[in-house]
Amino acid sequence: MSGYYAFNWRRYDHAVHPQTPSAIVEMGFLTNASDRRLMTTEPGRVAQGIVGGILAFLASEDLLQNLHFW
C-alpha cells in the first residue's frame, strides 16, 4: 500500500515517514450493529484482539526477539 496517502510520504506532507512502523487496522464497520456494539461496549476486547494480531504477525516474521519495551 505504498501508494496509499498515509504511506506516500513523497507526495503528501502529512504521510508517515517510510522508516516509521505503521499499520492500517480495520476493526469492523460502524454501520453493522454487531460490530458497532462490540467496538463501543467492549473496547478492551477489541484492543486485545489488535495486540494479539500484531504479536502473531511479529512472531510469524521472527521479529519478537528484536522488540524492546520501555
PDB file of N, CA and C in Angstrom:
ATOM      1  N   MET A   1       0.811  -1.192   0.000  1.00  0.00           N
ATOM      2  CA  MET A   1       0.000   0.000   0.000  1.00  0.00           C
ATOM      3  C   MET A   1       0.859   1.263   0.000  1.00  0.00           C
ATOM      4  N   SER A   2       2.004   1.222  -0.634  1.00  0.00           N
ATOM      5  CA  SER A   2       2.903   2.380  -0.626  1.00  0.00           C
ATOM      6  C   SER A   2       2.315   3.588  -1.343  1.00  0.00           C
ATOM      7  N   GLY A   3       1.334   3.382  -2.225  1.00  0.00           N
ATOM      8  CA  GLY A   3       0.688   4.493  -2.903  1.00  0.00           C
ATOM      9  C   GLY A   3      -0.445   5.109  -2.099  1.00  0.00           C
ATOM     10  N   TYR A   4      -0.877   4.453  -1.035  1.00  0.00           N
ATOM     11  CA  TYR A   4      -1.935   4.951  -0.175  1.00  0.00           C
ATOM     12  C   TYR A   4      -1.469   6.251   0.468  1.00  0.00           C
ATOM     13  N   TYR A   5      -2.365   7.232   0.578  1.00  0.00           N
ATOM     14  CA  TYR A   5      -1.940   8.568   1.007  1.00  0.00           C
ATOM     15  C   TYR A   5      -1.217   8.586   2.348  1.00  0.00           C
ATOM     16  N   ALA A   6      -1.602   7.740   3.276  1.00  0.00           N
ATOM     17  CA  ALA A   6      -0.966   7.756   4.597  1.00  0.00           C
ATOM     18  C   ALA A   6       0.491   7.298   4.540  1.00  0.00           C
ATOM     19  N   PHE A   7       0.833   6.530   3.512  1.00  0.00           N
ATOM     20  CA  PHE A   7       2.188   5.985   3.402  1.00  0.00           C
ATOM     21  C   PHE A   7       2.992   6.605   2.259  1.00  0.00           C
ATOM     22  N   ASN A   8       2.388   7.477   1.486  1.00  0.00           N
ATOM     23  CA  ASN A   8       3.047   8.072   0.323  1.00  0.00           C
ATOM     24  C   ASN A   8       3.711   9.390   0.736  1.00  0.00           C
ATOM     25  N   TRP A   9       4.820   9.271   1.446  1.00  0.00           N
ATOM     26  CA  TRP A   9       5.475  10.442   2.048  1.00  0.00           C
ATOM     27  C   TRP A   9       6.079  11.386   1.017  1.00  0.00           C
ATOM     28  N   ARG A  10       6.358  10.928  -0.191  1.00  0.00           N
ATOM     29  CA  ARG A  10       6.915  11.822  -1.212  1.00  0.00           C
ATOM     30  C   ARG A  10       5.849  12.746  -1.798  1.00  0.00           C
ATOM     31  N   ARG A  11       4.603  12.296  -1.740  1.00  0.00           N
ATOM     32  CA  ARG A  11       3.523  13.087  -2.327  1.00  0.00           C
ATOM     33  C   ARG A  11       2.760  13.920  -1.295  1.00  0.00           C
ATOM     34  N   TYR A  12       2.670  13.418  -0.073  1.00  0.00           N
ATOM     35  CA  TYR A  12       1.867  14.091   0.948  1.00  0.00           C
ATOM     36  C   TYR A  12       2.725  14.456   2.156  1.00  0.00           C
ATOM     37  N   ASP A  13       2.655  15.706   2.577  1.00  0.00           N
ATOM     38  CA  ASP A  13       3.438  16.172   3.721  1.00  0.00           C
ATOM     39  C   ASP A  13       3.040  15.491   5.025  1.00  0.00           C
ATOM     40  N   HIS A  14       1.777  15.088   5.150  1.00  0.00           N
ATOM     41  CA  HIS A  14       1.294  14.506   6.395  1.00  0.00           C
ATOM     42  C   HIS A  14       1.414  12.978   6.435  1.00  0.00           C
ATOM     43  N   ALA A  15       2.039  12.385   5.449  1.00  0.00           N
ATOM     44  CA  ALA A  15       2.173  10.932   5.403  1.00  0.00           C
ATOM     45  C   ALA A  15       3.227  10.451   6.400  1.00  0.00           C
ATOM     46  N   VAL A  16       3.160   9.199   6.719  1.00  0.00           N
ATOM     47  CA  VAL A  16       4.101   8.561   7.639  1.00  0.00           C
ATOM     48  C   VAL A  16       5.456   8.410   6.935  1.00  0.00           C
ATOM     49  N   HIS A  17       6.533   8.722   7.626  1.00  0.00           N
ATOM     50  CA  HIS A  17       7.870   8.548   7.069  1.00  0.00           C
ATOM     51  C   HIS A  17       8.100   7.055   6.804  1.00  0.00           C
ATOM     52  N   PRO A  18       8.791   6.691   5.735  1.00  0.00           N
ATOM     53  CA  PRO A  18       8.961   5.279   5.394  1.00  0.00           C
ATOM     54  C   PRO A  18       9.696   4.452   6.449  1.00  0.00           C
ATOM     55  N   GLN A  19      10.430   5.074   7.339  1.00  0.00           N
ATOM     56  CA  GLN A  19      11.131   4.319   8.387  1.00  0.00           C
ATOM     57  C   GLN A  19      10.297   4.184   9.665  1.00  0.00           C
ATOM     58  N   THR A  20       9.081   4.727   9.665  1.00  0.00           N
ATOM     59  CA  THR A  20       8.205   4.644  10.828  1.00  0.00           C
ATOM     60  C   THR A  20       7.291   3.432  10.677  1.00  0.00           C
ATOM     61  N   PRO A  21       7.343   2.492  11.618  1.00  0.00           N
ATOM     62  CA  PRO A  21       6.435   1.346  11.541  1.00  0.00           C
ATOM     63  C   PRO A  21       4.986   1.817  11.636  1.00  0.00           C
ATOM     64  N   SER A  22       4.132   1.297  10.781  1.00  0.00           N
ATOM     65  CA  SER A  22       2.732   1.694  10.806  1.00  0.00           C
ATOM     66  C   SER A  22       1.871   0.585  10.232  1.00  0.00           C
ATOM     67  N   ALA A  23       0.601   0.653  10.542  1.00  0.00           N
ATOM     68  CA  ALA A  23      -0.347  -0.348  10.052  1.00  0.00           C
ATOM     69  C   ALA A  23      -1.720   0.287   9.931  1.00  0.00           C
ATOM     70  N   ILE A  24      -2.505  -0.220   9.031  1.00  0.00           N
ATOM     71  CA  ILE A  24      -3.915   0.148   8.940  1.00  0.00           C
ATOM     72  C   ILE A  24      -4.681  -0.968   9.634  1.00  0.00           C
ATOM     73  N   VAL A  25      -5.463  -0.609  10.631  1.00  0.00           N
ATOM     74  CA  VAL A  25      -6.199  -1.602  11.414  1.00  0.00           C
ATOM     75  C   VAL A  25      -7.688  -1.427  11.148  1.00  0.00           C
ATOM     76  N   GLU A  26      -8.300  -2.441  10.573  1.00  0.00           N
ATOM     77  CA  GLU A  26      -9.737  -2.423  10.344  1.00  0.00           C
ATOM     78  C   GLU A  26     -10.383  -3.322  11.386  1.00  0.00           C
ATOM     79  N   MET A  27     -11.205  -2.724  12.230  1.00  0.00           N
ATOM     80  CA  MET A  27     -11.788  -3.453  13.354  1.00  0.00           C
ATOM     81  C   MET A  27     -13.214  -3.903  13.084  1.00  0.00           C
ATOM     82  N   GLY A  28     -13.873  -3.302  12.153  1.00  0.00           N
ATOM     83  CA  GLY A  28     -15.267  -3.624  11.869  1.00  0.00           C
ATOM     84  C   GLY A  28     -15.924  -2.451  11.171  1.00  0.00           C
ATOM     85  N   PHE A  29     -17.235  -2.503  11.116  1.00  0.00           N
ATOM     86  CA  PHE A  29     -17.996  -1.464  10.438  1.00  0.00           C
ATOM     87  C   PHE A  29     -18.970  -0.830  11.418  1.00  0.00           C
ATOM     88  N   LEU A  30     -18.926   0.491  11.544  1.00  0.00           N
ATOM     89  CA  LEU A  30     -19.857   1.164  12.435  1.00  0.00           C
ATOM     90  C   LEU A  30     -21.284   1.062  11.930  1.00  0.00           C
ATOM     91  N   THR A  31     -21.451   0.775  10.651  1.00  0.00           N
ATOM     92  CA  THR A  31     -22.796   0.608  10.102  1.00  0.00           C
ATOM     93  C   THR A  31     -23.378  -0.760  10.420  1.00  0.00           C
ATOM     94  N   ASN A  32     -22.555  -1.684  10.906  1.00  0.00           N
ATOM     95  CA  ASN A  32     -23.023  -3.009  11.302  1.00  0.00           C
ATOM     96  C   ASN A  32     -23.308  -2.972  12.803  1.00  0.00           C
ATOM     97  N   ALA A  33     -24.530  -3.283  13.189  1.00  0.00           N
ATOM     98  CA  ALA A  33     -24.939  -3.165  14.590  1.00  0.00           C
ATOM     99  C   ALA A  33     -24.071  -4.010  15.521  1.00  0.00           C
ATOM    100  N   SER A  34     -23.734  -5.227  15.125  1.00  0.00           N
ATOM    101  CA  SER A  34     -22.914  -6.108  15.975  1.00  0.00           C
ATOM    102  C   SER A  34     -21.500  -5.562  16.134  1.00  0.00           C
ATOM    103  N   ASP A  35     -20.905  -5.129  15.030  1.00  0.00           N
ATOM    104  CA  ASP A  35     -19.559  -4.545  15.094  1.00  0.00           C
ATOM    105  C   ASP A  35     -19.556  -3.292  15.955  1.00  0.00           C
ATOM    106  N   ARG A  36     -20.537  -2.412  15.725  1.00  0.00           N
ATOM    107  CA  ARG A  36     -20.609  -1.161  16.471  1.00  0.00           C
ATOM    108  C   ARG A  36     -20.775  -1.425  17.968  1.00  0.00           C
ATOM    109  N   ARG A  37     -21.641  -2.375  18.322  1.00  0.00           N
ATOM    110  CA  ARG A  37     -21.855  -2.706  19.726  1.00  0.00           C
ATOM    111  C   ARG A  37     -20.562  -3.209  20.365  1.00  0.00           C
ATOM    112  N   LEU A  38     -19.850  -4.093  19.681  1.00  0.00           N
ATOM    113  CA  LEU A  38     -18.594  -4.626  20.216  1.00  0.00           C
ATOM    114  C   LEU A  38     -17.568  -3.512  20.413  1.00  0.00           C
ATOM    115  N   MET A  39     -17.415  -2.648  19.413  1.00  0.00           N
ATOM    116  CA  MET A  39     -16.398  -1.593  19.493  1.00  0.00           C
ATOM    117  C   MET A  39     -16.730  -0.537  20.544  1.00  0.00           C
ATOM    118  N   THR A  40     -18.008  -0.297  20.799  1.00  0.00           N
ATOM    119  CA  THR A  40     -18.379   0.753  21.741  1.00  0.00           C
ATOM    120  C   THR A  40     -18.585   0.249  23.165  1.00  0.00           C
ATOM    121  N   THR A  41     -18.873  -1.040  23.318  1.00  0.00           N
ATOM    122  CA  THR A  41     -19.127  -1.542  24.672  1.00  0.00           C
ATOM    123  C   THR A  41     -18.002  -2.408  25.221  1.00  0.00           C
ATOM    124  N   GLU A  42     -17.132  -2.912  24.348  1.00  0.00           N
ATOM    125  CA  GLU A  42     -16.026  -3.769  24.791  1.00  0.00           C
ATOM    126  C   GLU A  42     -14.705  -3.335  24.153  1.00  0.00           C
ATOM    127  N   PRO A  43     -14.298  -2.082  24.375  1.00  0.00           N
ATOM    128  CA  PRO A  43     -13.064  -1.612  23.726  1.00  0.00           C
ATOM    129  C   PRO A  43     -11.829  -2.393  24.169  1.00  0.00           C
ATOM    130  N   GLY A  44     -11.813  -2.899  25.383  1.00  0.00           N
ATOM    131  CA  GLY A  44     -10.675  -3.702  25.842  1.00  0.00           C
ATOM    132  C   GLY A  44     -10.542  -4.990  25.057  1.00  0.00           C
ATOM    133  N   ARG A  45     -11.657  -5.611  24.748  1.00  0.00           N
ATOM    134  CA  ARG A  45     -11.636  -6.846  23.952  1.00  0.00           C
ATOM    135  C   ARG A  45     -11.117  -6.562  22.545  1.00  0.00           C
ATOM    136  N   VAL A  46     -11.561  -5.445  21.975  1.00  0.00           N
ATOM    137  CA  VAL A  46     -11.093  -5.048  20.644  1.00  0.00           C
ATOM    138  C   VAL A  46      -9.583  -4.785  20.693  1.00  0.00           C
ATOM    139  N   ALA A  47      -9.135  -4.057  21.717  1.00  0.00           N
ATOM    140  CA  ALA A  47      -7.702  -3.749  21.853  1.00  0.00           C
ATOM    141  C   ALA A  47      -6.883  -5.029  22.015  1.00  0.00           C
ATOM    142  N   GLN A  48      -7.374  -5.979  22.802  1.00  0.00           N
ATOM    143  CA  GLN A  48      -6.656  -7.252  22.972  1.00  0.00           C
ATOM    144  C   GLN A  48      -6.549  -7.993  21.643  1.00  0.00           C
ATOM    145  N   GLY A  49      -7.584  -7.923  20.827  1.00  0.00           N
ATOM    146  CA  GLY A  49      -7.541  -8.557  19.510  1.00  0.00           C
ATOM    147  C   GLY A  49      -6.510  -7.921  18.599  1.00  0.00           C
ATOM    148  N   ILE A  50      -6.420  -6.597  18.654  1.00  0.00           N
ATOM    149  CA  ILE A  50      -5.426  -5.886  17.839  1.00  0.00           C
ATOM    150  C   ILE A  50      -4.020  -6.255  18.288  1.00  0.00           C
ATOM    151  N   VAL A  51      -3.777  -6.216  19.594  1.00  0.00           N
ATOM    152  CA  VAL A  51      -2.453  -6.571  20.132  1.00  0.00           C
ATOM    153  C   VAL A  51      -2.114  -8.014  19.765  1.00  0.00           C
ATOM    154  N   GLY A  52      -3.085  -8.912  19.913  1.00  0.00           N
ATOM    155  CA  GLY A  52      -2.846 -10.315  19.568  1.00  0.00           C
ATOM    156  C   GLY A  52      -2.468 -10.491  18.106  1.00  0.00           C
ATOM    157  N   GLY A  53      -3.142  -9.757  17.234  1.00  0.00           N
ATOM    158  CA  GLY A  53      -2.827  -9.837  15.808  1.00  0.00           C
ATOM    159  C   GLY A  53      -1.443  -9.306  15.480  1.00  0.00           C
ATOM    160  N   ILE A  54      -1.076  -8.197  16.099  1.00  0.00           N
ATOM    161  CA  ILE A  54       0.261  -7.624  15.875  1.00  0.00           C
ATOM    162  C   ILE A  54       1.334  -8.579  16.390  1.00  0.00           C
ATOM    163  N   LEU A  55       1.138  -9.130  17.585  1.00  0.00           N
ATOM    164  CA  LEU A  55       2.127 -10.068  18.138  1.00  0.00           C
ATOM    165  C   LEU A  55       2.225 -11.337  17.289  1.00  0.00           C
ATOM    166  N   ALA A  56       1.093 -11.819  16.776  1.00  0.00           N
ATOM    167  CA  ALA A  56       1.115 -13.005  15.906  1.00  0.00           C
ATOM    168  C   ALA A  56       1.901 -12.723  14.628  1.00  0.00           C
ATOM    169  N   PHE A  57       1.695 -11.532  14.062  1.00  0.00           N
ATOM    170  CA  PHE A  57       2.457 -11.167  12.866  1.00  0.00           C
ATOM    171  C   PHE A  57       3.944 -11.098  13.167  1.00  0.00           C
ATOM    172  N   LEU A  58       4.310 -10.405  14.245  1.00  0.00           N
ATOM    173  CA  LEU A  58       5.729 -10.280  14.599  1.00  0.00           C
ATOM    174  C   LEU A  58       6.349 -11.650  14.843  1.00  0.00           C
ATOM    175  N   ALA A  59       5.619 -12.549  15.494  1.00  0.00           N
ATOM    176  CA  ALA A  59       6.126 -13.907  15.739  1.00  0.00           C
ATOM    177  C   ALA A  59       6.300 -14.654  14.422  1.00  0.00           C
ATOM    178  N   SER A  60       5.360 -14.500  13.498  1.00  0.00           N
ATOM    179  CA  SER A  60       5.451 -15.204  12.218  1.00  0.00           C
ATOM    180  C   SER A  60       6.627 -14.721  11.378  1.00  0.00           C
ATOM    181  N   GLU A  61       7.048 -13.486  11.596  1.00  0.00           N
ATOM    182  CA  GLU A  61       8.191 -12.922  10.882  1.00  0.00           C
ATOM    183  C   GLU A  61       9.481 -13.036  11.692  1.00  0.00           C
ATOM    184  N   ASP A  62       9.400 -13.722  12.831  1.00  0.00           N
ATOM    185  CA  ASP A  62      10.535 -13.916  13.736  1.00  0.00           C
ATOM    186  C   ASP A  62      11.141 -12.580  14.174  1.00  0.00           C
ATOM    187  N   LEU A  63      10.272 -11.644  14.530  1.00  0.00           N
ATOM    188  CA  LEU A  63      10.718 -10.298  14.903  1.00  0.00           C
ATOM    189  C   LEU A  63      10.556  -9.999  16.388  1.00  0.00           C
ATOM    190  N   LEU A  64       9.978 -10.902  17.147  1.00  0.00           N
ATOM    191  CA  LEU A  64       9.737 -10.615  18.559  1.00  0.00           C
ATOM    192  C   LEU A  64      11.015 -10.490  19.373  1.00  0.00           C
ATOM    193  N   GLN A  65      12.055 -11.210  19.015  1.00  0.00           N
ATOM    194  CA  GLN A  65      13.294 -11.149  19.803  1.00  0.00           C
ATOM    195  C   GLN A  65      13.951  -9.775  19.694  1.00  0.00           C
ATOM    196  N   ASN A  66      13.637  -9.004  18.664  1.00  0.00           N
ATOM    197  CA  ASN A  66      14.214  -7.669  18.490  1.00  0.00           C
ATOM    198  C   ASN A  66      13.354  -6.564  19.095  1.00  0.00           C
ATOM    199  N   LEU A  67      12.222  -6.932  19.662  1.00  0.00           N
ATOM    200  CA  LEU A  67      11.294  -5.950  20.202  1.00  0.00           C
ATOM    201  C   LEU A  67      11.739  -5.521  21.590  1.00  0.00           C
ATOM    202  N   HIS A  68      11.799  -4.219  21.801  1.00  0.00           N
ATOM    203  CA  HIS A  68      12.202  -3.671  23.084  1.00  0.00           C
ATOM    204  C   HIS A  68      11.055  -2.852  23.663  1.00  0.00           C
ATOM    205  N   PHE A  69      10.701  -3.133  24.904  1.00  0.00           N
ATOM    206  CA  PHE A  69       9.665  -2.371  25.590  1.00  0.00           C
ATOM    207  C   PHE A  69      10.317  -1.470  26.615  1.00  0.00           C
ATOM    208  N   TRP A  70       9.849  -0.260  26.715  1.00  0.00           N
ATOM    209  CA  TRP A  70      10.420   0.680  27.666  1.00  0.00           C
ATOM    210  C   TRP A  70       9.656   0.614  28.943  1.00  0.00           C
TER     211      TRP A  70
END
